[in-house]
N, C-alpha and C. Protein backbone atom coordinates (compact mmCIF):
# COMPACT_ATOMS: atom_id res chain seq x y z
N UNK A 1 97.21 -112.80 23.22
CA UNK A 1 97.72 -111.43 23.38
C UNK A 1 99.19 -111.41 23.84
N UNK A 2 99.73 -112.59 24.25
CA UNK A 2 101.10 -112.60 24.77
C UNK A 2 102.10 -112.18 23.70
N UNK A 3 101.98 -112.73 22.49
CA UNK A 3 102.88 -112.35 21.40
C UNK A 3 102.73 -110.87 21.06
N UNK A 4 101.50 -110.39 21.06
CA UNK A 4 101.23 -108.97 20.79
C UNK A 4 101.93 -108.11 21.84
N UNK A 5 101.77 -108.47 23.13
CA UNK A 5 102.36 -107.69 24.22
C UNK A 5 103.88 -107.71 24.19
N UNK A 6 104.47 -108.84 23.80
CA UNK A 6 105.92 -109.00 23.85
C UNK A 6 106.64 -108.42 22.63
N UNK A 7 105.99 -108.51 21.46
CA UNK A 7 106.72 -108.16 20.23
C UNK A 7 106.11 -107.02 19.42
N UNK A 8 104.80 -106.91 19.42
CA UNK A 8 104.15 -105.86 18.63
C UNK A 8 104.00 -104.58 19.45
N UNK A 9 103.46 -104.72 20.67
CA UNK A 9 103.19 -103.55 21.50
C UNK A 9 104.44 -102.72 21.81
N UNK A 10 105.59 -103.33 22.16
CA UNK A 10 106.78 -102.51 22.40
C UNK A 10 107.15 -101.62 21.21
N UNK A 11 106.99 -102.15 20.01
CA UNK A 11 107.30 -101.35 18.81
C UNK A 11 106.31 -100.19 18.66
N UNK A 12 105.03 -100.46 18.88
CA UNK A 12 104.01 -99.41 18.75
C UNK A 12 104.21 -98.32 19.80
N UNK A 13 104.49 -98.74 21.04
CA UNK A 13 104.68 -97.77 22.12
C UNK A 13 105.92 -96.93 21.86
N UNK A 14 106.99 -97.57 21.40
CA UNK A 14 108.22 -96.85 21.10
C UNK A 14 107.98 -95.78 20.03
N UNK A 15 107.22 -96.13 19.01
CA UNK A 15 106.92 -95.17 17.93
C UNK A 15 106.05 -94.02 18.44
N UNK A 16 104.98 -94.37 19.18
CA UNK A 16 104.05 -93.34 19.66
C UNK A 16 104.70 -92.42 20.68
N UNK A 17 105.46 -93.01 21.60
CA UNK A 17 106.08 -92.22 22.67
C UNK A 17 107.34 -91.51 22.21
N UNK A 18 107.79 -91.81 21.01
CA UNK A 18 108.96 -91.15 20.47
C UNK A 18 108.64 -90.04 19.49
N UNK A 19 107.35 -89.73 19.32
CA UNK A 19 106.96 -88.65 18.43
C UNK A 19 107.58 -87.33 18.86
N UNK A 20 107.81 -86.44 17.90
CA UNK A 20 108.49 -85.19 18.19
C UNK A 20 107.81 -84.38 19.29
N UNK A 21 106.49 -84.31 19.25
CA UNK A 21 105.76 -83.54 20.26
C UNK A 21 105.98 -84.12 21.66
N UNK A 22 105.94 -85.44 21.76
CA UNK A 22 106.15 -86.10 23.05
C UNK A 22 107.58 -85.92 23.52
N UNK A 23 108.52 -86.04 22.59
CA UNK A 23 109.92 -85.89 22.95
C UNK A 23 110.21 -84.48 23.47
N UNK A 24 109.50 -83.49 22.92
CA UNK A 24 109.70 -82.12 23.40
C UNK A 24 109.21 -81.96 24.83
N UNK A 25 108.20 -82.73 25.21
CA UNK A 25 107.73 -82.70 26.59
C UNK A 25 108.76 -83.35 27.52
N UNK A 26 109.31 -84.48 27.08
CA UNK A 26 110.35 -85.13 27.88
C UNK A 26 111.51 -84.16 28.14
N UNK A 27 111.88 -83.42 27.10
CA UNK A 27 113.01 -82.49 27.19
C UNK A 27 112.77 -81.37 28.19
N UNK A 28 111.52 -81.13 28.55
CA UNK A 28 111.20 -80.08 29.51
C UNK A 28 111.40 -80.53 30.94
N UNK A 29 111.23 -81.83 31.21
CA UNK A 29 111.25 -82.29 32.60
C UNK A 29 112.46 -83.16 32.96
N UNK A 30 112.89 -84.03 32.07
CA UNK A 30 113.95 -84.98 32.41
C UNK A 30 115.25 -84.29 32.83
N UNK A 31 115.67 -83.17 32.20
CA UNK A 31 116.91 -82.52 32.63
C UNK A 31 116.86 -81.98 34.07
N UNK A 32 115.68 -81.94 34.68
CA UNK A 32 115.57 -81.50 36.07
C UNK A 32 116.06 -82.56 37.05
N UNK A 33 116.19 -83.80 36.59
CA UNK A 33 116.59 -84.91 37.46
C UNK A 33 118.02 -84.72 37.95
N UNK A 34 118.26 -85.17 39.20
CA UNK A 34 119.60 -85.09 39.76
C UNK A 34 119.83 -86.20 40.77
N UNK A 35 121.10 -86.47 41.06
CA UNK A 35 121.44 -87.47 42.05
C UNK A 35 121.13 -88.88 41.59
N UNK A 36 120.65 -89.69 42.53
CA UNK A 36 120.21 -91.05 42.22
C UNK A 36 118.76 -91.00 41.74
N UNK A 37 118.54 -91.46 40.53
CA UNK A 37 117.25 -91.29 39.86
C UNK A 37 116.56 -92.65 39.71
N UNK A 38 115.27 -92.65 39.95
CA UNK A 38 114.43 -93.81 39.66
C UNK A 38 113.47 -93.42 38.56
N UNK A 39 113.60 -94.08 37.40
CA UNK A 39 112.66 -93.84 36.31
C UNK A 39 111.63 -94.94 36.30
N UNK A 40 110.37 -94.57 36.45
CA UNK A 40 109.26 -95.53 36.48
C UNK A 40 108.79 -95.79 35.06
N UNK A 41 108.84 -97.07 34.65
CA UNK A 41 108.44 -97.40 33.29
C UNK A 41 109.43 -96.87 32.27
N UNK A 42 110.67 -97.30 32.37
CA UNK A 42 111.71 -96.78 31.47
C UNK A 42 111.43 -97.11 30.01
N UNK A 43 110.68 -98.18 29.75
CA UNK A 43 110.33 -98.52 28.38
C UNK A 43 111.54 -98.76 27.51
N UNK A 44 111.59 -98.10 26.37
CA UNK A 44 112.70 -98.29 25.43
C UNK A 44 113.82 -97.28 25.64
N UNK A 45 113.80 -96.59 26.77
CA UNK A 45 114.90 -95.69 27.10
C UNK A 45 114.87 -94.36 26.38
N UNK A 46 113.68 -93.88 26.04
CA UNK A 46 113.57 -92.62 25.29
C UNK A 46 114.00 -91.40 26.09
N UNK A 47 114.01 -91.52 27.43
CA UNK A 47 114.43 -90.39 28.25
C UNK A 47 115.94 -90.27 28.39
N UNK A 48 116.67 -91.32 28.08
CA UNK A 48 118.10 -91.35 28.42
C UNK A 48 118.89 -90.19 27.82
N UNK A 49 118.58 -89.80 26.63
CA UNK A 49 119.33 -88.72 25.98
C UNK A 49 119.10 -87.36 26.63
N UNK A 50 118.04 -87.26 27.45
CA UNK A 50 117.70 -85.97 28.05
C UNK A 50 118.29 -85.76 29.44
N UNK A 51 118.87 -86.79 30.04
CA UNK A 51 119.45 -86.62 31.37
C UNK A 51 120.71 -85.75 31.31
N UNK A 52 120.87 -84.90 32.32
CA UNK A 52 122.05 -84.06 32.44
C UNK A 52 123.13 -84.88 33.16
N UNK A 53 124.15 -85.31 32.43
CA UNK A 53 125.17 -86.20 33.01
C UNK A 53 125.96 -85.51 34.12
N UNK A 54 125.94 -84.19 34.17
CA UNK A 54 126.65 -83.47 35.22
C UNK A 54 125.86 -83.42 36.53
N UNK A 55 124.59 -83.80 36.48
CA UNK A 55 123.75 -83.75 37.67
C UNK A 55 123.31 -85.12 38.16
N UNK A 56 123.34 -86.11 37.26
CA UNK A 56 122.79 -87.43 37.58
C UNK A 56 123.91 -88.41 37.94
N UNK A 57 123.78 -89.03 39.11
CA UNK A 57 124.77 -90.02 39.55
C UNK A 57 124.55 -91.36 38.87
N UNK A 58 123.30 -91.81 38.84
CA UNK A 58 122.92 -93.06 38.17
C UNK A 58 121.41 -93.11 38.05
N UNK A 59 120.92 -94.04 37.22
CA UNK A 59 119.48 -94.19 37.00
C UNK A 59 119.08 -95.65 37.22
N UNK A 60 118.11 -95.86 38.10
CA UNK A 60 117.44 -97.15 38.17
C UNK A 60 116.29 -97.12 37.17
N UNK A 61 116.30 -98.02 36.21
CA UNK A 61 115.24 -98.08 35.22
C UNK A 61 114.26 -99.20 35.54
N UNK A 62 113.11 -98.85 36.07
CA UNK A 62 112.12 -99.86 36.43
C UNK A 62 111.25 -100.16 35.22
N UNK A 63 111.32 -101.39 34.73
CA UNK A 63 110.56 -101.78 33.53
C UNK A 63 110.28 -103.29 33.57
N UNK A 64 109.02 -103.67 33.84
CA UNK A 64 108.70 -105.10 33.95
C UNK A 64 108.59 -105.83 32.62
N UNK A 65 108.46 -105.12 31.51
CA UNK A 65 108.27 -105.77 30.22
C UNK A 65 109.60 -106.15 29.59
N UNK A 66 109.81 -107.45 29.37
CA UNK A 66 111.04 -107.91 28.72
C UNK A 66 111.11 -107.40 27.28
N UNK A 67 109.95 -107.26 26.63
CA UNK A 67 109.92 -106.73 25.28
C UNK A 67 110.43 -105.30 25.21
N UNK A 68 110.02 -104.48 26.18
CA UNK A 68 110.48 -103.09 26.21
C UNK A 68 111.96 -103.03 26.56
N UNK A 69 112.43 -103.90 27.45
CA UNK A 69 113.85 -103.90 27.80
C UNK A 69 114.71 -104.28 26.59
N UNK A 70 114.22 -105.21 25.79
CA UNK A 70 114.93 -105.54 24.56
C UNK A 70 114.98 -104.34 23.62
N UNK A 71 113.84 -103.65 23.52
CA UNK A 71 113.74 -102.49 22.63
C UNK A 71 114.68 -101.37 23.07
N UNK A 72 115.05 -101.36 24.36
CA UNK A 72 115.87 -100.28 24.91
C UNK A 72 117.36 -100.44 24.64
N UNK A 73 117.79 -101.58 24.13
CA UNK A 73 119.22 -101.85 24.05
C UNK A 73 119.99 -100.80 23.24
N UNK A 74 119.43 -100.34 22.15
CA UNK A 74 120.12 -99.34 21.33
C UNK A 74 120.32 -98.04 22.09
N UNK A 75 119.29 -97.59 22.81
CA UNK A 75 119.40 -96.35 23.58
C UNK A 75 120.34 -96.52 24.77
N UNK A 76 120.35 -97.71 25.38
CA UNK A 76 121.26 -97.97 26.49
C UNK A 76 122.71 -97.91 26.01
N UNK A 77 122.96 -98.44 24.84
CA UNK A 77 124.33 -98.46 24.31
C UNK A 77 124.87 -97.06 24.09
N UNK A 78 123.99 -96.10 23.84
CA UNK A 78 124.41 -94.72 23.59
C UNK A 78 124.32 -93.84 24.83
N UNK A 79 123.80 -94.38 25.92
CA UNK A 79 123.55 -93.58 27.12
C UNK A 79 124.85 -93.14 27.79
N UNK A 80 124.89 -91.91 28.23
CA UNK A 80 126.04 -91.38 28.96
C UNK A 80 125.84 -91.47 30.46
N UNK A 81 124.67 -91.93 30.89
CA UNK A 81 124.43 -92.13 32.32
C UNK A 81 124.39 -93.63 32.61
N UNK A 82 124.79 -93.99 33.82
CA UNK A 82 124.78 -95.39 34.25
C UNK A 82 123.36 -95.82 34.56
N UNK A 83 122.95 -96.97 34.02
CA UNK A 83 121.58 -97.45 34.19
C UNK A 83 121.59 -98.86 34.78
N UNK A 84 120.75 -99.09 35.78
CA UNK A 84 120.58 -100.42 36.34
C UNK A 84 119.11 -100.80 36.23
N UNK A 85 118.80 -101.90 35.55
CA UNK A 85 117.43 -102.34 35.36
C UNK A 85 116.83 -102.87 36.66
N UNK A 86 115.58 -102.55 36.86
CA UNK A 86 114.75 -103.17 37.89
C UNK A 86 113.56 -103.76 37.14
N UNK A 87 113.51 -105.11 37.06
CA UNK A 87 112.49 -105.72 36.21
C UNK A 87 111.25 -106.17 37.00
N UNK A 88 110.82 -105.30 37.90
CA UNK A 88 109.61 -105.55 38.67
C UNK A 88 108.60 -104.45 38.39
N UNK A 89 107.31 -104.71 38.65
CA UNK A 89 106.30 -103.65 38.45
C UNK A 89 106.45 -102.55 39.47
N UNK A 90 105.90 -101.38 39.17
CA UNK A 90 106.04 -100.21 40.04
C UNK A 90 105.29 -100.36 41.35
N UNK A 91 104.41 -101.36 41.44
CA UNK A 91 103.72 -101.61 42.70
C UNK A 91 104.64 -102.27 43.73
N UNK A 92 105.84 -102.66 43.30
CA UNK A 92 106.80 -103.31 44.20
C UNK A 92 108.21 -102.86 43.83
N UNK A 93 108.63 -101.73 44.36
CA UNK A 93 109.93 -101.16 44.01
C UNK A 93 110.99 -101.73 44.95
N UNK A 94 111.98 -102.45 44.41
CA UNK A 94 112.99 -103.11 45.25
C UNK A 94 114.12 -102.20 45.69
N UNK A 95 113.75 -101.07 46.31
CA UNK A 95 114.73 -100.12 46.81
C UNK A 95 114.40 -99.76 48.25
N UNK A 96 115.41 -99.31 48.98
CA UNK A 96 115.23 -98.96 50.39
C UNK A 96 114.46 -97.65 50.54
N UNK A 97 113.87 -97.46 51.70
CA UNK A 97 113.21 -96.19 52.02
C UNK A 97 114.19 -95.04 51.87
N UNK A 98 113.69 -93.91 51.41
CA UNK A 98 114.48 -92.67 51.34
C UNK A 98 115.82 -92.86 50.62
N UNK A 99 115.81 -93.56 49.51
CA UNK A 99 117.06 -93.86 48.80
C UNK A 99 117.18 -93.17 47.44
N UNK A 100 116.14 -92.45 47.03
CA UNK A 100 116.09 -91.86 45.69
C UNK A 100 116.00 -90.34 45.76
N UNK A 101 116.82 -89.66 44.98
CA UNK A 101 116.79 -88.19 44.94
C UNK A 101 115.71 -87.66 44.01
N UNK A 102 115.51 -88.34 42.88
CA UNK A 102 114.54 -87.89 41.87
C UNK A 102 113.80 -89.09 41.30
N UNK A 103 112.49 -88.97 41.19
CA UNK A 103 111.68 -89.95 40.47
C UNK A 103 111.22 -89.32 39.17
N UNK A 104 111.42 -90.03 38.08
CA UNK A 104 110.99 -89.56 36.76
C UNK A 104 109.80 -90.41 36.31
N UNK A 105 108.71 -89.73 36.01
CA UNK A 105 107.46 -90.39 35.66
C UNK A 105 106.95 -89.78 34.35
N UNK A 106 107.22 -90.45 33.23
CA UNK A 106 106.81 -89.90 31.93
C UNK A 106 105.99 -90.93 31.16
N UNK A 107 104.76 -90.59 30.89
CA UNK A 107 103.84 -91.40 30.08
C UNK A 107 103.77 -92.84 30.59
N UNK A 108 103.62 -92.94 31.90
CA UNK A 108 103.59 -94.23 32.59
C UNK A 108 102.40 -94.37 33.53
N UNK A 109 102.04 -93.28 34.20
CA UNK A 109 100.97 -93.34 35.20
C UNK A 109 99.64 -93.73 34.57
N UNK A 110 99.50 -93.49 33.28
CA UNK A 110 98.27 -93.85 32.57
C UNK A 110 98.09 -95.37 32.46
N UNK A 111 99.18 -96.13 32.60
CA UNK A 111 99.10 -97.57 32.37
C UNK A 111 99.14 -98.42 33.63
N UNK A 112 99.57 -97.87 34.75
CA UNK A 112 99.74 -98.66 35.97
C UNK A 112 98.37 -99.04 36.53
N UNK A 113 98.13 -100.34 36.64
CA UNK A 113 96.82 -100.81 37.11
C UNK A 113 96.55 -100.36 38.54
N UNK A 114 97.43 -100.70 39.46
CA UNK A 114 97.27 -100.31 40.87
C UNK A 114 98.11 -99.06 41.13
N UNK A 115 97.64 -97.94 40.61
CA UNK A 115 98.42 -96.71 40.71
C UNK A 115 98.55 -96.21 42.14
N UNK A 116 97.58 -96.52 42.99
CA UNK A 116 97.65 -96.07 44.39
C UNK A 116 98.83 -96.71 45.10
N UNK A 117 98.98 -98.03 44.94
CA UNK A 117 100.11 -98.72 45.54
C UNK A 117 101.43 -98.25 44.93
N UNK A 118 101.43 -98.08 43.61
CA UNK A 118 102.65 -97.64 42.93
C UNK A 118 103.10 -96.26 43.43
N UNK A 119 102.19 -95.33 43.55
CA UNK A 119 102.53 -93.99 44.04
C UNK A 119 102.96 -94.03 45.50
N UNK A 120 102.35 -94.91 46.27
CA UNK A 120 102.77 -95.08 47.67
C UNK A 120 104.20 -95.58 47.75
N UNK A 121 104.56 -96.50 46.85
CA UNK A 121 105.93 -97.01 46.79
C UNK A 121 106.90 -95.90 46.37
N UNK A 122 106.49 -95.08 45.43
CA UNK A 122 107.33 -93.96 45.01
C UNK A 122 107.59 -93.01 46.18
N UNK A 123 106.55 -92.73 46.92
CA UNK A 123 106.68 -91.84 48.08
C UNK A 123 107.62 -92.45 49.12
N UNK A 124 107.54 -93.77 49.28
CA UNK A 124 108.38 -94.45 50.28
C UNK A 124 109.87 -94.32 49.94
N UNK A 125 110.23 -94.53 48.67
CA UNK A 125 111.65 -94.54 48.32
C UNK A 125 112.23 -93.15 48.08
N UNK A 126 111.37 -92.14 47.90
CA UNK A 126 111.85 -90.79 47.62
C UNK A 126 112.31 -90.12 48.90
N UNK A 127 113.51 -89.53 48.87
CA UNK A 127 114.04 -88.82 50.02
C UNK A 127 113.13 -87.65 50.41
N UNK A 128 113.25 -87.22 51.66
CA UNK A 128 112.40 -86.14 52.15
C UNK A 128 112.51 -84.86 51.35
N UNK A 129 113.70 -84.59 50.82
CA UNK A 129 113.90 -83.38 50.02
C UNK A 129 113.96 -83.71 48.52
N UNK A 130 113.52 -84.91 48.16
CA UNK A 130 113.55 -85.33 46.77
C UNK A 130 112.40 -84.76 45.95
N UNK A 131 112.45 -85.00 44.65
CA UNK A 131 111.42 -84.48 43.74
C UNK A 131 110.90 -85.59 42.83
N UNK A 132 109.62 -85.54 42.56
CA UNK A 132 109.00 -86.37 41.54
C UNK A 132 108.72 -85.46 40.35
N UNK A 133 109.36 -85.73 39.21
CA UNK A 133 109.12 -84.92 38.02
C UNK A 133 108.31 -85.75 37.03
N UNK A 134 107.32 -85.13 36.43
CA UNK A 134 106.38 -85.90 35.64
C UNK A 134 105.95 -85.18 34.37
N UNK A 135 105.62 -85.99 33.37
CA UNK A 135 104.97 -85.52 32.15
C UNK A 135 104.05 -86.64 31.71
N UNK A 136 102.76 -86.40 31.77
CA UNK A 136 101.76 -87.44 31.53
C UNK A 136 100.60 -86.86 30.70
N UNK A 137 99.91 -87.74 29.99
CA UNK A 137 98.67 -87.30 29.34
C UNK A 137 97.50 -87.77 30.21
N UNK A 138 96.35 -87.12 30.08
CA UNK A 138 95.23 -87.51 30.92
C UNK A 138 93.94 -86.81 30.55
N UNK A 139 93.08 -86.69 31.53
CA UNK A 139 91.74 -86.14 31.30
C UNK A 139 91.82 -84.70 30.77
N UNK A 140 91.11 -84.44 29.69
CA UNK A 140 91.06 -83.11 29.11
C UNK A 140 90.12 -82.22 29.92
N UNK A 141 90.28 -80.91 29.83
CA UNK A 141 89.42 -79.99 30.60
C UNK A 141 88.07 -79.75 29.94
N UNK A 142 87.95 -80.07 28.65
CA UNK A 142 86.72 -79.78 27.91
C UNK A 142 85.72 -80.93 28.05
N UNK A 143 84.51 -80.60 28.43
CA UNK A 143 83.49 -81.62 28.69
C UNK A 143 83.24 -82.50 27.47
N UNK A 144 83.17 -81.91 26.29
CA UNK A 144 82.92 -82.69 25.08
C UNK A 144 84.06 -83.69 24.81
N UNK A 145 85.30 -83.27 25.06
CA UNK A 145 86.44 -84.17 24.87
C UNK A 145 86.42 -85.26 25.93
N UNK A 146 86.04 -84.91 27.13
CA UNK A 146 85.93 -85.91 28.20
C UNK A 146 84.95 -87.02 27.83
N UNK A 147 83.85 -86.65 27.20
CA UNK A 147 82.86 -87.65 26.78
C UNK A 147 83.46 -88.62 25.78
N UNK A 148 84.22 -88.08 24.84
CA UNK A 148 84.86 -88.94 23.84
C UNK A 148 85.95 -89.80 24.47
N UNK A 149 86.65 -89.25 25.44
CA UNK A 149 87.66 -90.05 26.14
C UNK A 149 87.03 -91.26 26.82
N UNK A 150 85.88 -91.05 27.45
CA UNK A 150 85.19 -92.16 28.12
C UNK A 150 84.71 -93.20 27.11
N UNK A 151 84.26 -92.74 25.95
CA UNK A 151 83.76 -93.67 24.93
C UNK A 151 84.90 -94.51 24.33
N UNK A 152 86.01 -93.84 24.05
CA UNK A 152 87.11 -94.51 23.35
C UNK A 152 87.97 -95.35 24.29
N UNK A 153 88.01 -94.98 25.56
CA UNK A 153 88.96 -95.57 26.50
C UNK A 153 88.97 -97.10 26.57
N UNK A 154 87.81 -97.78 26.60
CA UNK A 154 87.85 -99.25 26.71
C UNK A 154 88.62 -99.92 25.56
N UNK A 155 88.41 -99.44 24.33
CA UNK A 155 89.11 -100.02 23.18
C UNK A 155 90.58 -99.61 23.19
N UNK A 156 90.82 -98.32 23.46
CA UNK A 156 92.19 -97.80 23.51
C UNK A 156 93.01 -98.57 24.54
N UNK A 157 92.44 -98.77 25.73
CA UNK A 157 93.14 -99.45 26.81
C UNK A 157 93.56 -100.86 26.41
N UNK A 158 92.67 -101.55 25.70
CA UNK A 158 92.96 -102.92 25.28
C UNK A 158 94.09 -102.98 24.26
N UNK A 159 94.11 -102.03 23.33
CA UNK A 159 95.11 -102.04 22.27
C UNK A 159 96.44 -101.40 22.67
N UNK A 160 96.41 -100.53 23.68
CA UNK A 160 97.59 -99.73 24.04
C UNK A 160 98.24 -100.18 25.35
N UNK A 161 98.16 -101.46 25.65
CA UNK A 161 98.88 -101.99 26.81
C UNK A 161 98.40 -101.48 28.15
N UNK A 162 97.09 -101.24 28.26
CA UNK A 162 96.52 -100.79 29.53
C UNK A 162 96.50 -99.29 29.72
N UNK A 163 96.90 -98.54 28.69
CA UNK A 163 96.91 -97.08 28.78
C UNK A 163 95.49 -96.53 28.90
N UNK A 164 95.29 -95.62 29.84
CA UNK A 164 94.01 -94.93 30.03
C UNK A 164 94.11 -93.49 29.52
N UNK A 165 93.10 -93.06 28.79
CA UNK A 165 93.11 -91.72 28.21
C UNK A 165 92.74 -90.63 29.21
N UNK A 166 91.98 -90.99 30.24
CA UNK A 166 91.31 -89.95 31.02
C UNK A 166 91.60 -89.99 32.52
N UNK A 167 92.79 -90.37 32.89
CA UNK A 167 93.12 -90.31 34.31
C UNK A 167 93.38 -88.87 34.74
N UNK A 168 92.95 -88.54 35.97
CA UNK A 168 93.12 -87.19 36.52
C UNK A 168 94.49 -87.13 37.19
N UNK A 169 95.49 -86.89 36.41
CA UNK A 169 96.88 -87.02 36.85
C UNK A 169 97.20 -86.18 38.10
N UNK A 170 96.90 -84.89 38.14
CA UNK A 170 97.24 -84.12 39.35
C UNK A 170 96.56 -84.68 40.61
N UNK A 171 95.31 -85.10 40.48
CA UNK A 171 94.59 -85.65 41.63
C UNK A 171 95.22 -86.94 42.13
N UNK A 172 95.65 -87.79 41.19
CA UNK A 172 96.28 -89.05 41.59
C UNK A 172 97.58 -88.79 42.35
N UNK A 173 98.38 -87.87 41.86
CA UNK A 173 99.66 -87.55 42.51
C UNK A 173 99.42 -86.91 43.87
N UNK A 174 98.51 -85.97 43.94
CA UNK A 174 98.24 -85.28 45.20
C UNK A 174 97.65 -86.21 46.26
N UNK A 175 96.76 -87.11 45.85
CA UNK A 175 96.12 -88.00 46.81
C UNK A 175 97.08 -89.02 47.40
N UNK A 176 98.26 -89.18 46.77
CA UNK A 176 99.27 -90.13 47.26
C UNK A 176 100.20 -89.49 48.30
N UNK A 177 99.95 -88.23 48.65
CA UNK A 177 100.77 -87.57 49.66
C UNK A 177 101.85 -86.67 49.10
N UNK A 178 101.72 -86.31 47.82
CA UNK A 178 102.65 -85.38 47.21
C UNK A 178 102.02 -83.99 47.10
N UNK A 179 102.86 -82.99 47.13
CA UNK A 179 102.45 -81.61 46.88
C UNK A 179 103.00 -81.20 45.52
N UNK A 180 102.12 -80.83 44.60
CA UNK A 180 102.57 -80.41 43.28
C UNK A 180 103.04 -78.96 43.36
N UNK A 181 104.34 -78.77 43.19
CA UNK A 181 104.93 -77.44 43.32
C UNK A 181 104.97 -76.68 42.01
N UNK A 182 104.96 -77.42 40.91
CA UNK A 182 104.91 -76.82 39.57
C UNK A 182 103.98 -77.65 38.71
N UNK A 183 103.07 -76.99 37.99
CA UNK A 183 102.15 -77.72 37.12
C UNK A 183 101.86 -76.91 35.87
N UNK A 184 102.06 -77.54 34.72
CA UNK A 184 101.74 -76.94 33.43
C UNK A 184 100.77 -77.88 32.70
N UNK A 185 99.87 -77.29 31.91
CA UNK A 185 98.86 -78.08 31.21
C UNK A 185 98.66 -77.52 29.81
N UNK A 186 98.48 -78.41 28.84
CA UNK A 186 98.23 -77.95 27.48
C UNK A 186 97.85 -79.13 26.59
N UNK A 187 97.27 -78.83 25.44
CA UNK A 187 97.08 -79.82 24.39
C UNK A 187 98.32 -79.83 23.50
N UNK A 188 98.72 -81.00 23.06
CA UNK A 188 99.71 -81.11 22.00
C UNK A 188 98.98 -81.28 20.68
N UNK A 189 99.72 -81.23 19.58
CA UNK A 189 99.11 -81.47 18.28
C UNK A 189 98.62 -82.91 18.21
N UNK A 190 97.50 -83.11 17.54
CA UNK A 190 96.96 -84.45 17.39
C UNK A 190 95.56 -84.56 17.95
N UNK A 191 94.98 -85.77 17.97
CA UNK A 191 93.62 -85.96 18.46
C UNK A 191 93.50 -85.54 19.93
N UNK A 192 92.54 -84.69 20.22
CA UNK A 192 92.43 -84.14 21.57
C UNK A 192 92.10 -85.19 22.63
N UNK A 193 91.54 -86.31 22.21
CA UNK A 193 91.22 -87.35 23.21
C UNK A 193 92.49 -87.93 23.82
N UNK A 194 93.63 -87.76 23.14
CA UNK A 194 94.86 -88.41 23.61
C UNK A 194 96.03 -87.46 23.84
N UNK A 195 95.79 -86.16 23.74
CA UNK A 195 96.95 -85.25 23.72
C UNK A 195 96.95 -84.19 24.82
N UNK A 196 96.06 -84.31 25.83
CA UNK A 196 96.11 -83.30 26.89
C UNK A 196 97.21 -83.67 27.87
N UNK A 197 98.11 -82.72 28.13
CA UNK A 197 99.32 -82.97 28.91
C UNK A 197 99.31 -82.29 30.27
N UNK A 198 99.87 -83.01 31.24
CA UNK A 198 100.17 -82.45 32.56
C UNK A 198 101.66 -82.67 32.80
N UNK A 199 102.40 -81.62 33.10
CA UNK A 199 103.81 -81.81 33.39
C UNK A 199 104.28 -80.82 34.44
N UNK A 200 105.20 -81.30 35.29
CA UNK A 200 105.67 -80.44 36.37
C UNK A 200 106.48 -81.20 37.40
N UNK A 201 106.43 -80.71 38.64
CA UNK A 201 107.24 -81.23 39.74
C UNK A 201 106.38 -81.40 40.98
N UNK A 202 106.61 -82.49 41.71
CA UNK A 202 105.92 -82.72 42.98
C UNK A 202 106.95 -83.07 44.05
N UNK A 203 106.62 -82.73 45.29
CA UNK A 203 107.49 -83.01 46.44
C UNK A 203 106.63 -83.63 47.54
N UNK A 204 107.27 -84.07 48.60
CA UNK A 204 106.53 -84.59 49.75
C UNK A 204 105.68 -83.48 50.36
N UNK A 205 104.45 -83.80 50.73
CA UNK A 205 103.62 -82.84 51.45
C UNK A 205 104.21 -82.59 52.84
N UNK A 206 104.22 -81.35 53.31
CA UNK A 206 104.70 -81.08 54.65
C UNK A 206 103.86 -81.82 55.69
N UNK A 207 104.50 -82.34 56.70
CA UNK A 207 103.78 -83.08 57.75
C UNK A 207 103.10 -82.10 58.68
């Protein structure tokens, strides 16, 4: 599976995550980023074109896959924002406490194995007045679709680089100590087992 993960999977993910419907979701949340930004799972850099260069100081792009970092070179070359790679997993973010103004989380939380630790790390590095902006797919609200998600998920996860179809995205974010201040939900075009979207903004829960 190593060759598949390094050379085939990055191409498949880039194609799937670059679909017009998905790109339209990115365009709804990424321009909200400001200041020093940490993008979790930067992948092939599909978000770069959506950053507002007048609001963003720089972007740390956390991406452990060397295959995805290679795939990102074309988008990096065209980027108008400064990007610094962090080639470690999200469970270990090499940044100081309270050092990030905005965390961008797009189509990544579905794949992180230890999402609890990863979200805890995000909370640690995010400033007290910072924002976590997200657009993720996850568990559908319809019981019949949920059943199909559970059936398909084991095969899907194996072929899609650890991606899970049915994670309860708002619950995962909230349980990590974030307060979701804005939340939108909808199906996109395509198979319903893979197209239910959660997107919005989260902040630190008041102490």
